[in-house]
Amino acid sequence: MRTQVYYVYILTNTHHNVLYTGVTNDLERRCYEHKQKKIKGFTQKYNVDKLIYFERFDLIDLAIDREKQIKGFSREKKLALINQFNKEWKELSHTGLFKTRL
């Protein structure tokens, strides 16, 4: 039986001047949707489609709580979180890293 996994993630745009925090149970699919502009709204409007940060959770309640916590962070605190995880702000969606990282 497969255990459900949830992700809190942060996306940015090409210029790194916009940050978007979300939650999903399928990070690969969600990144694809953002890149293909299938998600109407903020991410489509501001071309936010570069995965630069994520955390993995086994419980949806914990993922949602963490998403809310990160959304409440100041920009500086979000930048510190991203830099600690992905100092070079490399695109992570094509790496498959989220499939193995705990």
PDB file of N, CA and C in Angstrom:
ATOM      1  N   MET A   1       0.833  -1.183   0.000  1.00  0.00           N
ATOM      2  CA  MET A   1       0.000   0.000   0.000  1.00  0.00           C
ATOM      3  C   MET A   1       0.882   1.253   0.000  1.00  0.00           C
ATOM      4  N   ARG A   2       0.603   2.159  -0.909  1.00  0.00           N
ATOM      5  CA  ARG A   2       1.391   3.382  -1.039  1.00  0.00           C
ATOM      6  C   ARG A   2       0.948   4.410  -0.006  1.00  0.00           C
ATOM      7  N   THR A   3       1.896   4.976   0.682  1.00  0.00           N
ATOM      8  CA  THR A   3       1.623   6.029   1.639  1.00  0.00           C
ATOM      9  C   THR A   3       1.506   7.351   0.895  1.00  0.00           C
ATOM     10  N   GLN A   4       0.533   8.144   1.245  1.00  0.00           N
ATOM     11  CA  GLN A   4       0.357   9.454   0.609  1.00  0.00           C
ATOM     12  C   GLN A   4       1.442  10.406   1.097  1.00  0.00           C
ATOM     13  N   VAL A   5       1.949  11.202   0.181  1.00  0.00           N
ATOM     14  CA  VAL A   5       2.979  12.180   0.480  1.00  0.00           C
ATOM     15  C   VAL A   5       2.471  13.541   0.040  1.00  0.00           C
ATOM     16  N   TYR A   6       2.809  14.562   0.810  1.00  0.00           N
ATOM     17  CA  TYR A   6       2.390  15.932   0.506  1.00  0.00           C
ATOM     18  C   TYR A   6       3.626  16.815   0.494  1.00  0.00           C
ATOM     19  N   TYR A   7       3.556  17.867  -0.292  1.00  0.00           N
ATOM     20  CA  TYR A   7       4.681  18.777  -0.427  1.00  0.00           C
ATOM     21  C   TYR A   7       4.231  20.221  -0.231  1.00  0.00           C
ATOM     22  N   VAL A   8       5.041  20.957   0.483  1.00  0.00           N
ATOM     23  CA  VAL A   8       4.939  22.420   0.509  1.00  0.00           C
ATOM     24  C   VAL A   8       6.078  22.885  -0.376  1.00  0.00           C
ATOM     25  N   TYR A   9       5.790  23.802  -1.276  1.00  0.00           N
ATOM     26  CA  TYR A   9       6.807  24.198  -2.240  1.00  0.00           C
ATOM     27  C   TYR A   9       6.805  25.702  -2.454  1.00  0.00           C
ATOM     28  N   ILE A  10       7.932  26.194  -2.933  1.00  0.00           N
ATOM     29  CA  ILE A  10       8.052  27.606  -3.298  1.00  0.00           C
ATOM     30  C   ILE A  10       8.524  27.676  -4.743  1.00  0.00           C
ATOM     31  N   LEU A  11       7.828  28.480  -5.515  1.00  0.00           N
ATOM     32  CA  LEU A  11       8.178  28.755  -6.899  1.00  0.00           C
ATOM     33  C   LEU A  11       8.593  30.205  -7.025  1.00  0.00           C
ATOM     34  N   THR A  12       9.372  30.492  -8.055  1.00  0.00           N
ATOM     35  CA  THR A  12       9.729  31.861  -8.375  1.00  0.00           C
ATOM     36  C   THR A  12       9.662  32.049  -9.885  1.00  0.00           C
ATOM     37  N   ASN A  13       9.934  33.263 -10.328  1.00  0.00           N
ATOM     38  CA  ASN A  13       9.973  33.546 -11.764  1.00  0.00           C
ATOM     39  C   ASN A  13      11.429  33.668 -12.208  1.00  0.00           C
ATOM     40  N   THR A  14      11.628  33.990 -13.452  1.00  0.00           N
ATOM     41  CA  THR A  14      12.971  34.088 -14.022  1.00  0.00           C
ATOM     42  C   THR A  14      13.852  35.090 -13.286  1.00  0.00           C
ATOM     43  N   HIS A  15      13.273  36.192 -12.871  1.00  0.00           N
ATOM     44  CA  HIS A  15      14.045  37.262 -12.230  1.00  0.00           C
ATOM     45  C   HIS A  15      14.132  37.125 -10.708  1.00  0.00           C
ATOM     46  N   HIS A  16      13.491  36.098 -10.165  1.00  0.00           N
ATOM     47  CA  HIS A  16      13.506  35.819  -8.721  1.00  0.00           C
ATOM     48  C   HIS A  16      12.903  36.950  -7.892  1.00  0.00           C
ATOM     49  N   ASN A  17      12.034  37.737  -8.481  1.00  0.00           N
ATOM     50  CA  ASN A  17      11.437  38.833  -7.719  1.00  0.00           C
ATOM     51  C   ASN A  17      10.026  38.524  -7.229  1.00  0.00           C
ATOM     52  N   VAL A  18       9.512  37.350  -7.555  1.00  0.00           N
ATOM     53  CA  VAL A  18       8.190  36.930  -7.095  1.00  0.00           C
ATOM     54  C   VAL A  18       8.329  35.543  -6.473  1.00  0.00           C
ATOM     55  N   LEU A  19       7.687  35.334  -5.321  1.00  0.00           N
ATOM     56  CA  LEU A  19       7.684  34.035  -4.657  1.00  0.00           C
ATOM     57  C   LEU A  19       6.250  33.568  -4.474  1.00  0.00           C
ATOM     58  N   TYR A  20       6.030  32.284  -4.685  1.00  0.00           N
ATOM     59  CA  TYR A  20       4.712  31.682  -4.503  1.00  0.00           C
ATOM     60  C   TYR A  20       4.876  30.425  -3.667  1.00  0.00           C
ATOM     61  N   THR A  21       4.076  30.282  -2.633  1.00  0.00           N
ATOM     62  CA  THR A  21       4.100  29.102  -1.776  1.00  0.00           C
ATOM     63  C   THR A  21       2.809  28.327  -1.959  1.00  0.00           C
ATOM     64  N   GLY A  22       2.928  27.012  -2.137  1.00  0.00           N
ATOM     65  CA  GLY A  22       1.758  26.171  -2.325  1.00  0.00           C
ATOM     66  C   GLY A  22       1.920  24.829  -1.647  1.00  0.00           C
ATOM     67  N   VAL A  23       0.859  24.014  -1.726  1.00  0.00           N
ATOM     68  CA  VAL A  23       0.868  22.660  -1.174  1.00  0.00           C
ATOM     69  C   VAL A  23       0.224  21.739  -2.200  1.00  0.00           C
ATOM     70  N   THR A  24       0.738  20.515  -2.297  1.00  0.00           N
ATOM     71  CA  THR A  24       0.217  19.551  -3.265  1.00  0.00           C
ATOM     72  C   THR A  24       0.529  18.129  -2.817  1.00  0.00           C
ATOM     73  N   ASN A  25      -0.175  17.173  -3.394  1.00  0.00           N
ATOM     74  CA  ASN A  25       0.136  15.770  -3.142  1.00  0.00           C
ATOM     75  C   ASN A  25       0.889  15.151  -4.321  1.00  0.00           C
ATOM     76  N   ASP A  26       1.149  15.939  -5.353  1.00  0.00           N
ATOM     77  CA  ASP A  26       1.884  15.457  -6.526  1.00  0.00           C
ATOM     78  C   ASP A  26       2.718  16.619  -7.071  1.00  0.00           C
ATOM     79  N   LEU A  27       3.931  16.730  -6.578  1.00  0.00           N
ATOM     80  CA  LEU A  27       4.778  17.870  -6.918  1.00  0.00           C
ATOM     81  C   LEU A  27       5.173  17.875  -8.391  1.00  0.00           C
ATOM     82  N   GLU A  28       5.423  16.719  -8.945  1.00  0.00           N
ATOM     83  CA  GLU A  28       5.795  16.641 -10.357  1.00  0.00           C
ATOM     84  C   GLU A  28       4.660  17.167 -11.252  1.00  0.00           C
ATOM     85  N   ARG A  29       3.442  16.704 -10.989  1.00  0.00           N
ATOM     86  CA  ARG A  29       2.285  17.152 -11.761  1.00  0.00           C
ATOM     87  C   ARG A  29       2.051  18.649 -11.570  1.00  0.00           C
ATOM     88  N   ARG A  30       2.146  19.089 -10.348  1.00  0.00           N
ATOM     89  CA  ARG A  30       1.878  20.495 -10.051  1.00  0.00           C
ATOM     90  C   ARG A  30       2.893  21.414 -10.734  1.00  0.00           C
ATOM     91  N   CYS A  31       4.153  21.027 -10.740  1.00  0.00           N
ATOM     92  CA  CYS A  31       5.174  21.827 -11.429  1.00  0.00           C
ATOM     93  C   CYS A  31       4.880  21.874 -12.928  1.00  0.00           C
ATOM     94  N   TYR A  32       4.490  20.740 -13.490  1.00  0.00           N
ATOM     95  CA  TYR A  32       4.122  20.695 -14.905  1.00  0.00           C
ATOM     96  C   TYR A  32       2.969  21.662 -15.189  1.00  0.00           C
ATOM     97  N   GLU A  33       1.960  21.641 -14.334  1.00  0.00           N
ATOM     98  CA  GLU A  33       0.803  22.529 -14.514  1.00  0.00           C
ATOM     99  C   GLU A  33       1.223  23.995 -14.470  1.00  0.00           C
ATOM    100  N   HIS A  34       2.106  24.333 -13.568  1.00  0.00           N
ATOM    101  CA  HIS A  34       2.589  25.715 -13.490  1.00  0.00           C
ATOM    102  C   HIS A  34       3.390  26.082 -14.736  1.00  0.00           C
ATOM    103  N   LYS A  35       4.263  25.195 -15.181  1.00  0.00           N
ATOM    104  CA  LYS A  35       5.087  25.474 -16.360  1.00  0.00           C
ATOM    105  C   LYS A  35       4.250  25.610 -17.632  1.00  0.00           C
ATOM    106  N   GLN A  36       3.167  24.848 -17.715  1.00  0.00           N
ATOM    107  CA  GLN A  36       2.295  24.891 -18.887  1.00  0.00           C
ATOM    108  C   GLN A  36       1.220  25.975 -18.758  1.00  0.00           C
ATOM    109  N   LYS A  37       1.277  26.741 -17.671  1.00  0.00           N
ATOM    110  CA  LYS A  37       0.325  27.836 -17.412  1.00  0.00           C
ATOM    111  C   LYS A  37      -1.117  27.322 -17.337  1.00  0.00           C
ATOM    112  N   LYS A  38      -1.302  26.127 -16.796  1.00  0.00           N
ATOM    113  CA  LYS A  38      -2.626  25.537 -16.645  1.00  0.00           C
ATOM    114  C   LYS A  38      -3.329  26.035 -15.386  1.00  0.00           C
ATOM    115  N   ILE A  39      -2.583  26.668 -14.504  1.00  0.00           N
ATOM    116  CA  ILE A  39      -3.131  27.178 -13.255  1.00  0.00           C
ATOM    117  C   ILE A  39      -3.423  28.666 -13.440  1.00  0.00           C
ATOM    118  N   LYS A  40      -4.675  29.003 -13.517  1.00  0.00           N
ATOM    119  CA  LYS A  40      -5.058  30.405 -13.692  1.00  0.00           C
ATOM    120  C   LYS A  40      -4.820  31.162 -12.387  1.00  0.00           C
ATOM    121  N   GLY A  41      -4.467  32.417 -12.514  1.00  0.00           N
ATOM    122  CA  GLY A  41      -4.286  33.237 -11.326  1.00  0.00           C
ATOM    123  C   GLY A  41      -2.888  33.780 -11.189  1.00  0.00           C
ATOM    124  N   PHE A  42      -2.442  33.867  -9.956  1.00  0.00           N
ATOM    125  CA  PHE A  42      -1.187  34.523  -9.600  1.00  0.00           C
ATOM    126  C   PHE A  42       0.013  33.968 -10.362  1.00  0.00           C
ATOM    127  N   THR A  43       0.192  32.646 -10.343  1.00  0.00           N
ATOM    128  CA  THR A  43       1.395  32.069 -10.950  1.00  0.00           C
ATOM    129  C   THR A  43       1.407  32.256 -12.464  1.00  0.00           C
ATOM    130  N   GLN A  44       0.256  32.185 -13.073  1.00  0.00           N
ATOM    131  CA  GLN A  44       0.180  32.408 -14.517  1.00  0.00           C
ATOM    132  C   GLN A  44       0.456  33.878 -14.850  1.00  0.00           C
ATOM    133  N   LYS A  45      -0.160  34.764 -14.095  1.00  0.00           N
ATOM    134  CA  LYS A  45      -0.023  36.205 -14.334  1.00  0.00           C
ATOM    135  C   LYS A  45       1.430  36.676 -14.215  1.00  0.00           C
ATOM    136  N   TYR A  46       2.160  36.133 -13.236  1.00  0.00           N
ATOM    137  CA  TYR A  46       3.521  36.588 -12.963  1.00  0.00           C
ATOM    138  C   TYR A  46       4.602  35.609 -13.442  1.00  0.00           C
ATOM    139  N   ASN A  47       4.228  34.640 -14.287  1.00  0.00           N
ATOM    140  CA  ASN A  47       5.185  33.660 -14.833  1.00  0.00           C
ATOM    141  C   ASN A  47       5.989  32.956 -13.753  1.00  0.00           C
ATOM    142  N   VAL A  48       5.328  32.526 -12.718  1.00  0.00           N
ATOM    143  CA  VAL A  48       5.984  31.860 -11.594  1.00  0.00           C
ATOM    144  C   VAL A  48       5.929  30.351 -11.850  1.00  0.00           C
ATOM    145  N   ASP A  49       7.070  29.773 -12.224  1.00  0.00           N
ATOM    146  CA  ASP A  49       7.061  28.357 -12.589  1.00  0.00           C
ATOM    147  C   ASP A  49       8.375  27.630 -12.302  1.00  0.00           C
ATOM    148  N   LYS A  50       9.261  28.241 -11.547  1.00  0.00           N
ATOM    149  CA  LYS A  50      10.565  27.644 -11.246  1.00  0.00           C
ATOM    150  C   LYS A  50      10.567  27.134  -9.799  1.00  0.00           C
ATOM    151  N   LEU A  51      10.611  25.817  -9.640  1.00  0.00           N
ATOM    152  CA  LEU A  51      10.638  25.204  -8.309  1.00  0.00           C
ATOM    153  C   LEU A  51      12.008  25.404  -7.682  1.00  0.00           C
ATOM    154  N   ILE A  52      12.031  26.077  -6.534  1.00  0.00           N
ATOM    155  CA  ILE A  52      13.311  26.356  -5.875  1.00  0.00           C
ATOM    156  C   ILE A  52      13.378  25.827  -4.439  1.00  0.00           C
ATOM    157  N   TYR A  53      12.236  25.356  -3.919  1.00  0.00           N
ATOM    158  CA  TYR A  53      12.209  24.890  -2.529  1.00  0.00           C
ATOM    159  C   TYR A  53      11.027  23.954  -2.346  1.00  0.00           C
ATOM    160  N   PHE A  54      11.218  22.934  -1.509  1.00  0.00           N
ATOM    161  CA  PHE A  54      10.097  22.082  -1.123  1.00  0.00           C
ATOM    162  C   PHE A  54      10.401  21.369   0.178  1.00  0.00           C
ATOM    163  N   GLU A  55       9.338  20.953   0.836  1.00  0.00           N
ATOM    164  CA  GLU A  55       9.415  20.107   2.026  1.00  0.00           C
ATOM    165  C   GLU A  55       8.402  18.986   1.831  1.00  0.00           C
ATOM    166  N   ARG A  56       8.705  17.829   2.357  1.00  0.00           N
ATOM    167  CA  ARG A  56       7.860  16.645   2.208  1.00  0.00           C
ATOM    168  C   ARG A  56       7.201  16.308   3.547  1.00  0.00           C
ATOM    169  N   PHE A  57       5.914  15.932   3.484  1.00  0.00           N
ATOM    170  CA  PHE A  57       5.146  15.592   4.686  1.00  0.00           C
ATOM    171  C   PHE A  57       4.328  14.331   4.446  1.00  0.00           C
ATOM    172  N   ASP A  58       4.086  13.590   5.507  1.00  0.00           N
ATOM    173  CA  ASP A  58       3.238  12.398   5.431  1.00  0.00           C
ATOM    174  C   ASP A  58       1.790  12.705   5.779  1.00  0.00           C
ATOM    175  N   LEU A  59       1.547  13.840   6.424  1.00  0.00           N
ATOM    176  CA  LEU A  59       0.193  14.203   6.847  1.00  0.00           C
ATOM    177  C   LEU A  59      -0.200  15.545   6.236  1.00  0.00           C
ATOM    178  N   ILE A  60      -1.379  15.601   5.639  1.00  0.00           N
ATOM    179  CA  ILE A  60      -1.836  16.821   4.979  1.00  0.00           C
ATOM    180  C   ILE A  60      -1.973  17.969   5.965  1.00  0.00           C
ATOM    181  N   ASP A  61      -2.409  17.687   7.186  1.00  0.00           N
ATOM    182  CA  ASP A  61      -2.570  18.757   8.171  1.00  0.00           C
ATOM    183  C   ASP A  61      -1.244  19.449   8.472  1.00  0.00           C
ATOM    184  N   LEU A  62      -0.182  18.671   8.562  1.00  0.00           N
ATOM    185  CA  LEU A  62       1.140  19.253   8.810  1.00  0.00           C
ATOM    186  C   LEU A  62       1.609  20.078   7.614  1.00  0.00           C
ATOM    187  N   ALA A  63       1.328  19.583   6.413  1.00  0.00           N
ATOM    188  CA  ALA A  63       1.714  20.314   5.204  1.00  0.00           C
ATOM    189  C   ALA A  63       0.973  21.646   5.120  1.00  0.00           C
ATOM    190  N   ILE A  64      -0.311  21.633   5.386  1.00  0.00           N
ATOM    191  CA  ILE A  64      -1.105  22.865   5.327  1.00  0.00           C
ATOM    192  C   ILE A  64      -0.641  23.853   6.391  1.00  0.00           C
ATOM    193  N   ASP A  65      -0.370  23.356   7.590  1.00  0.00           N
ATOM    194  CA  ASP A  65       0.132  24.241   8.652  1.00  0.00           C
ATOM    195  C   ASP A  65       1.459  24.878   8.259  1.00  0.00           C
ATOM    196  N   ARG A  66       2.341  24.089   7.652  1.00  0.00           N
ATOM    197  CA  ARG A  66       3.640  24.620   7.235  1.00  0.00           C
ATOM    198  C   ARG A  66       3.480  25.627   6.097  1.00  0.00           C
ATOM    199  N   GLU A  67       2.583  25.343   5.164  1.00  0.00           N
ATOM    200  CA  GLU A  67       2.320  26.291   4.082  1.00  0.00           C
ATOM    201  C   GLU A  67       1.872  27.639   4.654  1.00  0.00           C
ATOM    202  N   LYS A  68       0.953  27.600   5.585  1.00  0.00           N
ATOM    203  CA  LYS A  68       0.468  28.831   6.219  1.00  0.00           C
ATOM    204  C   LYS A  68       1.593  29.549   6.954  1.00  0.00           C
ATOM    205  N   GLN A  69       2.439  28.779   7.637  1.00  0.00           N
ATOM    206  CA  GLN A  69       3.561  29.370   8.357  1.00  0.00           C
ATOM    207  C   GLN A  69       4.497  30.096   7.396  1.00  0.00           C
ATOM    208  N   ILE A  70       4.864  29.435   6.306  1.00  0.00           N
ATOM    209  CA  ILE A  70       5.778  30.042   5.332  1.00  0.00           C
ATOM    210  C   ILE A  70       5.139  31.260   4.676  1.00  0.00           C
ATOM    211  N   LYS A  71       3.867  31.175   4.345  1.00  0.00           N
ATOM    212  CA  LYS A  71       3.181  32.321   3.746  1.00  0.00           C
ATOM    213  C   LYS A  71       3.195  33.526   4.685  1.00  0.00           C
ATOM    214  N   GLY A  72       3.248  33.272   5.982  1.00  0.00           N
ATOM    215  CA  GLY A  72       3.290  34.350   6.966  1.00  0.00           C
ATOM    216  C   GLY A  72       4.678  34.930   7.190  1.00  0.00           C
ATOM    217  N   PHE A  73       5.694  34.282   6.661  1.00  0.00           N
ATOM    218  CA  PHE A  73       7.066  34.770   6.816  1.00  0.00           C
ATOM    219  C   PHE A  73       7.263  36.079   6.063  1.00  0.00           C
ATOM    220  N   SER A  74       8.172  36.878   6.543  1.00  0.00           N
ATOM    221  CA  SER A  74       8.608  38.049   5.788  1.00  0.00           C
ATOM    222  C   SER A  74       9.378  37.560   4.563  1.00  0.00           C
ATOM    223  N   ARG A  75       9.548  38.422   3.595  1.00  0.00           N
ATOM    224  CA  ARG A  75      10.320  38.049   2.407  1.00  0.00           C
ATOM    225  C   ARG A  75      11.738  37.641   2.805  1.00  0.00           C
ATOM    226  N   GLU A  76      12.325  38.355   3.729  1.00  0.00           N
ATOM    227  CA  GLU A  76      13.686  38.053   4.165  1.00  0.00           C
ATOM    228  C   GLU A  76      13.779  36.647   4.765  1.00  0.00           C
ATOM    229  N   LYS A  77      12.789  36.278   5.545  1.00  0.00           N
ATOM    230  CA  LYS A  77      12.794  34.946   6.153  1.00  0.00           C
ATOM    231  C   LYS A  77      12.587  33.866   5.096  1.00  0.00           C
ATOM    232  N   LYS A  78      11.757  34.132   4.094  1.00  0.00           N
ATOM    233  CA  LYS A  78      11.586  33.190   2.983  1.00  0.00           C
ATOM    234  C   LYS A  78      12.888  33.037   2.210  1.00  0.00           C
ATOM    235  N   LEU A  79      13.573  34.140   1.962  1.00  0.00           N
ATOM    236  CA  LEU A  79      14.844  34.083   1.238  1.00  0.00           C
ATOM    237  C   LEU A  79      15.872  33.262   2.010  1.00  0.00           C
ATOM    238  N   ALA A  80      15.921  33.426   3.322  1.00  0.00           N
ATOM    239  CA  ALA A  80      16.850  32.658   4.149  1.00  0.00           C
ATOM    240  C   ALA A  80      16.519  31.163   4.082  1.00  0.00           C
ATOM    241  N   LEU A  81      15.242  30.830   4.108  1.00  0.00           N
ATOM    242  CA  LEU A  81      14.802  29.441   4.017  1.00  0.00           C
ATOM    243  C   LEU A  81      15.230  28.833   2.683  1.00  0.00           C
ATOM    244  N   ILE A  82      14.983  29.557   1.609  1.00  0.00           N
ATOM    245  CA  ILE A  82      15.360  29.087   0.271  1.00  0.00           C
ATOM    246  C   ILE A  82      16.870  28.944   0.167  1.00  0.00           C
ATOM    247  N   ASN A  83      17.609  29.947   0.611  1.00  0.00           N
ATOM    248  CA  ASN A  83      19.068  29.925   0.505  1.00  0.00           C
ATOM    249  C   ASN A  83      19.698  28.786   1.309  1.00  0.00           C
ATOM    250  N   GLN A  84      19.088  28.436   2.416  1.00  0.00           N
ATOM    251  CA  GLN A  84      19.593  27.326   3.225  1.00  0.00           C
ATOM    252  C   GLN A  84      19.389  26.000   2.482  1.00  0.00           C
ATOM    253  N   PHE A  85      18.326  25.897   1.734  1.00  0.00           N
ATOM    254  CA  PHE A  85      17.948  24.669   1.024  1.00  0.00           C
ATOM    255  C   PHE A  85      18.571  24.589  -0.366  1.00  0.00           C
ATOM    256  N   ASN A  86      18.618  25.719  -1.061  1.00  0.00           N
ATOM    257  CA  ASN A  86      19.004  25.755  -2.475  1.00  0.00           C
ATOM    258  C   ASN A  86      19.726  27.079  -2.741  1.00  0.00           C
ATOM    259  N   LYS A  87      20.947  27.168  -2.271  1.00  0.00           N
ATOM    260  CA  LYS A  87      21.691  28.425  -2.284  1.00  0.00           C
ATOM    261  C   LYS A  87      21.825  29.046  -3.676  1.00  0.00           C
ATOM    262  N   GLU A  88      21.911  28.221  -4.703  1.00  0.00           N
ATOM    263  CA  GLU A  88      22.067  28.733  -6.064  1.00  0.00           C
ATOM    264  C   GLU A  88      20.734  28.952  -6.783  1.00  0.00           C
ATOM    265  N   TRP A  89      19.635  28.679  -6.100  1.00  0.00           N
ATOM    266  CA  TRP A  89      18.290  28.826  -6.654  1.00  0.00           C
ATOM    267  C   TRP A  89      18.139  28.049  -7.966  1.00  0.00           C
ATOM    268  N   LYS A  90      18.682  26.846  -7.971  1.00  0.00           N
ATOM    269  CA  LYS A  90      18.567  25.983  -9.147  1.00  0.00           C
ATOM    270  C   LYS A  90      17.136  25.485  -9.297  1.00  0.00           C
ATOM    271  N   GLU A  91      16.726  25.288 -10.523  1.00  0.00           N
ATOM    272  CA  GLU A  91      15.417  24.686 -10.837  1.00  0.00           C
ATOM    273  C   GLU A  91      15.441  23.236 -10.362  1.00  0.00           C
ATOM    274  N   LEU A  92      14.481  22.858  -9.528  1.00  0.00           N
ATOM    275  CA  LEU A  92      14.473  21.521  -8.945  1.00  0.00           C
ATOM    276  C   LEU A  92      13.449  20.580  -9.574  1.00  0.00           C
ATOM    277  N   SER A  93      12.512  21.102 -10.347  1.00  0.00           N
ATOM    278  CA  SER A  93      11.424  20.257 -10.830  1.00  0.00           C
ATOM    279  C   SER A  93      11.879  19.175 -11.793  1.00  0.00           C
ATOM    280  N   HIS A  94      12.927  19.408 -12.529  1.00  0.00           N
ATOM    281  CA  HIS A  94      13.385  18.413 -13.493  1.00  0.00           C
ATOM    282  C   HIS A  94      14.427  17.453 -12.896  1.00  0.00           C
ATOM    283  N   THR A  95      14.806  17.656 -11.672  1.00  0.00           N
ATOM    284  CA  THR A  95      15.862  16.836 -11.066  1.00  0.00           C
ATOM    285  C   THR A  95      15.344  15.525 -10.482  1.00  0.00           C
ATOM    286  N   GLY A  96      14.059  15.464 -10.154  1.00  0.00           N
ATOM    287  CA  GLY A  96      13.525  14.282  -9.483  1.00  0.00           C
ATOM    288  C   GLY A  96      13.926  14.210  -8.024  1.00  0.00           C
ATOM    289  N   LEU A  97      14.615  15.228  -7.539  1.00  0.00           N
ATOM    290  CA  LEU A  97      15.095  15.272  -6.164  1.00  0.00           C
ATOM    291  C   LEU A  97      13.952  15.088  -5.172  1.00  0.00           C
ATOM    292  N   PHE A  98      12.802  15.652  -5.476  1.00  0.00           N
ATOM    293  CA  PHE A  98      11.667  15.569  -4.545  1.00  0.00           C
ATOM    294  C   PHE A  98      11.128  14.147  -4.418  1.00  0.00           C
ATOM    295  N   LYS A  99      11.480  13.267  -5.340  1.00  0.00           N
ATOM    296  CA  LYS A  99      11.011  11.883  -5.245  1.00  0.00           C
ATOM    297  C   LYS A  99      11.802  11.091  -4.205  1.00  0.00           C
ATOM    298  N   THR A 100      13.002  11.552  -3.905  1.00  0.00           N
ATOM    299  CA  THR A 100      13.856  10.792  -3.000  1.00  0.00           C
ATOM    300  C   THR A 100      14.173  11.522  -1.703  1.00  0.00           C
ATOM    301  N   ARG A 101      14.073  12.833  -1.711  1.00  0.00           N
ATOM    302  CA  ARG A 101      14.470  13.616  -0.539  1.00  0.00           C
ATOM    303  C   ARG A 101      13.427  13.476   0.569  1.00  0.00           C
ATOM    304  N   LEU A 102      13.891  13.248   1.784  1.00  0.00           N
ATOM    305  CA  LEU A 102      12.976  13.112   2.923  1.00  0.00           C
ATOM    306  C   LEU A 102      12.813  14.401   3.662  1.00  0.00           C
TER     307      LEU A 102
END
